[in-house]
């Protein structure tokens, strides 16, 4: 059985904001909820594209996709037509990107099975 990925909720974000602002959680929750709602509203209202740039955090974008006339339903293996639509994309800011680029073996994390750098983890043992 695979391990479950840790999930961070709005409540967790509100707690951390409250700690940083030295305020009770009940005061930070409405602010966190409102900020996330507003970002969501901008994404939903995209006509058809939008770019939300949050300095030192990252960029959210809504982009158009092309139609795919010969997509395949993996369950039935039948060919289906997928209409053009909009999709979201997040590109992290420099600070986040630099941290995420660090190799897993340097951080002491387990390297996923089948990874090309799996041998690096075995050499350390």
C-alpha atoms as a PDB file:
ATOM      1  CA  UNK A   1       0.000   0.000   0.000  1.00  0.00           C
ATOM      2  CA  UNK A   2       1.361   3.454  -0.886  1.00  0.00           C
ATOM      3  CA  UNK A   3       1.832   6.158   1.702  1.00  0.00           C
ATOM      4  CA  UNK A   4      -0.717   8.919   1.739  1.00  0.00           C
ATOM      5  CA  UNK A   5       0.564  12.362   0.738  1.00  0.00           C
ATOM      6  CA  UNK A   6       0.297  15.008   3.432  1.00  0.00           C
ATOM      7  CA  UNK A   7      -2.567  17.400   2.713  1.00  0.00           C
ATOM      8  CA  UNK A   8      -2.433  21.012   3.848  1.00  0.00           C
ATOM      9  CA  UNK A   9      -5.893  22.555   4.309  1.00  0.00           C
ATOM     10  CA  UNK A  10      -7.166  26.133   4.489  1.00  0.00           C
ATOM     11  CA  UNK A  11      -7.353  25.687   8.261  1.00  0.00           C
ATOM     12  CA  UNK A  12      -3.632  24.808   8.336  1.00  0.00           C
ATOM     13  CA  UNK A  13      -2.827  27.907   6.297  1.00  0.00           C
ATOM     14  CA  UNK A  14      -4.979  30.045   8.609  1.00  0.00           C
ATOM     15  CA  UNK A  15      -3.142  28.620  11.643  1.00  0.00           C
ATOM     16  CA  UNK A  16       0.256  29.459  10.183  1.00  0.00           C
ATOM     17  CA  UNK A  17      -0.887  32.968   9.202  1.00  0.00           C
ATOM     18  CA  UNK A  18      -2.258  33.469  12.721  1.00  0.00           C
ATOM     19  CA  UNK A  19       1.059  32.360  14.237  1.00  0.00           C
ATOM     20  CA  UNK A  20       3.073  34.712  12.017  1.00  0.00           C
ATOM     21  CA  UNK A  21       0.749  37.637  12.674  1.00  0.00           C
ATOM     22  CA  UNK A  22       0.537  36.818  16.397  1.00  0.00           C
ATOM     23  CA  UNK A  23      -3.254  36.767  16.160  1.00  0.00           C
ATOM     24  CA  UNK A  24      -5.864  34.143  17.038  1.00  0.00           C
ATOM     25  CA  UNK A  25      -6.878  31.726  14.255  1.00  0.00           C
ATOM     26  CA  UNK A  26     -10.461  33.003  14.157  1.00  0.00           C
ATOM     27  CA  UNK A  27      -9.136  36.386  12.986  1.00  0.00           C
ATOM     28  CA  UNK A  28      -6.949  34.988  10.208  1.00  0.00           C
ATOM     29  CA  UNK A  29      -9.482  32.488   8.782  1.00  0.00           C
ATOM     30  CA  UNK A  30     -11.735  35.082   7.079  1.00  0.00           C
ATOM     31  CA  UNK A  31      -8.711  36.753   5.478  1.00  0.00           C
ATOM     32  CA  UNK A  32      -7.303  33.475   4.165  1.00  0.00           C
ATOM     33  CA  UNK A  33     -10.732  32.413   2.859  1.00  0.00           C
ATOM     34  CA  UNK A  34     -11.272  35.757   1.134  1.00  0.00           C
ATOM     35  CA  UNK A  35      -7.836  35.817  -0.531  1.00  0.00           C
ATOM     36  CA  UNK A  36      -8.312  32.280  -1.874  1.00  0.00           C
ATOM     37  CA  UNK A  37     -11.854  33.086  -3.074  1.00  0.00           C
ATOM     38  CA  UNK A  38     -10.638  36.192  -4.902  1.00  0.00           C
ATOM     39  CA  UNK A  39      -7.807  34.285  -6.617  1.00  0.00           C
ATOM     40  CA  UNK A  40     -10.346  31.612  -7.591  1.00  0.00           C
ATOM     41  CA  UNK A  41     -12.727  34.284  -8.906  1.00  0.00           C
ATOM     42  CA  UNK A  42     -10.002  35.738 -11.140  1.00  0.00           C
ATOM     43  CA  UNK A  43      -9.304  32.254 -12.533  1.00  0.00           C
ATOM     44  CA  UNK A  44     -12.997  31.503 -13.105  1.00  0.00           C
ATOM     45  CA  UNK A  45     -13.651  34.904 -14.732  1.00  0.00           C
ATOM     46  CA  UNK A  46     -10.750  34.499 -17.182  1.00  0.00           C
ATOM     47  CA  UNK A  47     -11.957  35.680 -20.579  1.00  0.00           C
ATOM     48  CA  UNK A  48     -10.423  33.362 -21.895  1.00  0.00           C
ATOM     49  CA  UNK A  49      -6.886  33.878 -20.500  1.00  0.00           C
ATOM     50  CA  UNK A  50      -5.612  35.466 -17.306  1.00  0.00           C
ATOM     51  CA  UNK A  51      -2.276  35.728 -15.527  1.00  0.00           C
ATOM     52  CA  UNK A  52      -2.122  36.301 -11.759  1.00  0.00           C
ATOM     53  CA  UNK A  53       1.397  37.231 -10.705  1.00  0.00           C
ATOM     54  CA  UNK A  54       2.169  37.112  -6.991  1.00  0.00           C
ATOM     55  CA  UNK A  55       5.730  38.386  -6.500  1.00  0.00           C
ATOM     56  CA  UNK A  56       7.978  36.046  -4.491  1.00  0.00           C
ATOM     57  CA  UNK A  57       5.360  33.287  -4.758  1.00  0.00           C
ATOM     58  CA  UNK A  58       4.544  32.448  -8.365  1.00  0.00           C
ATOM     59  CA  UNK A  59       2.233  32.893 -11.328  1.00  0.00           C
ATOM     60  CA  UNK A  60      -1.194  31.347 -11.870  1.00  0.00           C
ATOM     61  CA  UNK A  61      -2.363  31.282 -15.479  1.00  0.00           C
ATOM     62  CA  UNK A  62      -5.470  30.186 -17.306  1.00  0.00           C
ATOM     63  CA  UNK A  63      -4.552  29.051 -20.806  1.00  0.00           C
ATOM     64  CA  UNK A  64      -6.516  27.720 -23.761  1.00  0.00           C
ATOM     65  CA  UNK A  65      -5.938  24.145 -24.919  1.00  0.00           C
ATOM     66  CA  UNK A  66      -6.424  22.774 -28.404  1.00  0.00           C
ATOM     67  CA  UNK A  67      -9.095  20.216 -29.203  1.00  0.00           C
ATOM     68  CA  UNK A  68      -7.901  16.627 -29.346  1.00  0.00           C
ATOM     69  CA  UNK A  69      -9.803  14.782 -32.065  1.00  0.00           C
ATOM     70  CA  UNK A  70      -8.226  11.389 -31.326  1.00  0.00           C
ATOM     71  CA  UNK A  71      -7.921  11.100 -27.549  1.00  0.00           C
ATOM     72  CA  UNK A  72      -8.354   7.663 -26.014  1.00  0.00           C
ATOM     73  CA  UNK A  73     -10.555   6.679 -23.089  1.00  0.00           C
ATOM     74  CA  UNK A  74      -8.169   4.481 -21.056  1.00  0.00           C
ATOM     75  CA  UNK A  75     -11.036   2.528 -19.474  1.00  0.00           C
ATOM     76  CA  UNK A  76     -12.779   1.451 -22.685  1.00  0.00           C
ATOM     77  CA  UNK A  77      -9.922   2.085 -25.140  1.00  0.00           C
ATOM     78  CA  UNK A  78     -12.427   3.906 -27.358  1.00  0.00           C
ATOM     79  CA  UNK A  79     -11.395   6.999 -29.332  1.00  0.00           C
ATOM     80  CA  UNK A  80     -13.081  10.174 -28.092  1.00  0.00           C
ATOM     81  CA  UNK A  81     -13.111  13.820 -29.146  1.00  0.00           C
ATOM     82  CA  UNK A  82     -11.938  16.264 -26.444  1.00  0.00           C
ATOM     83  CA  UNK A  83     -13.088  19.847 -27.025  1.00  0.00           C
ATOM     84  CA  UNK A  84     -10.754  22.805 -26.645  1.00  0.00           C
ATOM     85  CA  UNK A  85     -11.022  24.222 -23.150  1.00  0.00           C
ATOM     86  CA  UNK A  86      -9.194  26.297 -20.568  1.00  0.00           C
ATOM     87  CA  UNK A  87      -6.747  24.904 -18.020  1.00  0.00           C
ATOM     88  CA  UNK A  88      -4.867  26.291 -15.046  1.00  0.00           C
ATOM     89  CA  UNK A  89      -1.116  26.367 -14.764  1.00  0.00           C
ATOM     90  CA  UNK A  90       1.070  27.375 -11.805  1.00  0.00           C
ATOM     91  CA  UNK A  91       4.693  28.382 -12.183  1.00  0.00           C
ATOM     92  CA  UNK A  92       6.464  28.809  -8.830  1.00  0.00           C
ATOM     93  CA  UNK A  93       8.562  31.863  -8.020  1.00  0.00           C
ATOM     94  CA  UNK A  94      12.347  31.772  -7.775  1.00  0.00           C
ATOM     95  CA  UNK A  95      12.600  30.937  -4.045  1.00  0.00           C
ATOM     96  CA  UNK A  96      10.187  28.000  -4.290  1.00  0.00           C
ATOM     97  CA  UNK A  97      11.663  26.786  -7.591  1.00  0.00           C
ATOM     98  CA  UNK A  98      15.224  26.743  -6.200  1.00  0.00           C
ATOM     99  CA  UNK A  99      14.189  24.712  -3.145  1.00  0.00           C
ATOM    100  CA  UNK A 100      12.215  22.210  -5.242  1.00  0.00           C
ATOM    101  CA  UNK A 101      15.165  21.701  -7.636  1.00  0.00           C
ATOM    102  CA  UNK A 102      17.344  20.212  -4.898  1.00  0.00           C
ATOM    103  CA  UNK A 103      17.982  16.495  -5.544  1.00  0.00           C
ATOM    104  CA  UNK A 104      16.003  14.143  -3.297  1.00  0.00           C
ATOM    105  CA  UNK A 105      19.084  12.170  -2.246  1.00  0.00           C
ATOM    106  CA  UNK A 106      20.712  15.381  -0.927  1.00  0.00           C
ATOM    107  CA  UNK A 107      17.661  16.025   1.243  1.00  0.00           C
ATOM    108  CA  UNK A 108      17.545  12.481   2.599  1.00  0.00           C
ATOM    109  CA  UNK A 109      14.228  11.603   0.914  1.00  0.00           C
ATOM    110  CA  UNK A 110      13.515   8.198  -0.570  1.00  0.00           C
ATOM    111  CA  UNK A 111      13.989   8.149  -4.339  1.00  0.00           C
ATOM    112  CA  UNK A 112      10.944   6.865  -6.273  1.00  0.00           C
ATOM    113  CA  UNK A 113      11.132   3.307  -7.644  1.00  0.00           C
ATOM    114  CA  UNK A 114      12.316   3.187 -11.250  1.00  0.00           C
ATOM    115  CA  UNK A 115      13.989   6.603 -11.067  1.00  0.00           C
ATOM    116  CA  UNK A 116      17.180   7.012 -13.122  1.00  0.00           C
ATOM    117  CA  UNK A 117      18.999   8.323 -10.052  1.00  0.00           C
ATOM    118  CA  UNK A 118      17.988   5.371  -7.852  1.00  0.00           C
ATOM    119  CA  UNK A 119      21.615   4.151  -7.950  1.00  0.00           C
ATOM    120  CA  UNK A 120      22.742   7.259  -6.030  1.00  0.00           C
ATOM    121  CA  UNK A 121      20.576   6.228  -3.076  1.00  0.00           C
ATOM    122  CA  UNK A 122      22.036   2.678  -3.121  1.00  0.00           C
ATOM    123  CA  UNK A 123      25.644   3.954  -3.242  1.00  0.00           C
ATOM    124  CA  UNK A 124      25.163   5.783   0.063  1.00  0.00           C
ATOM    125  CA  UNK A 125      24.332   2.538   1.900  1.00  0.00           C
END
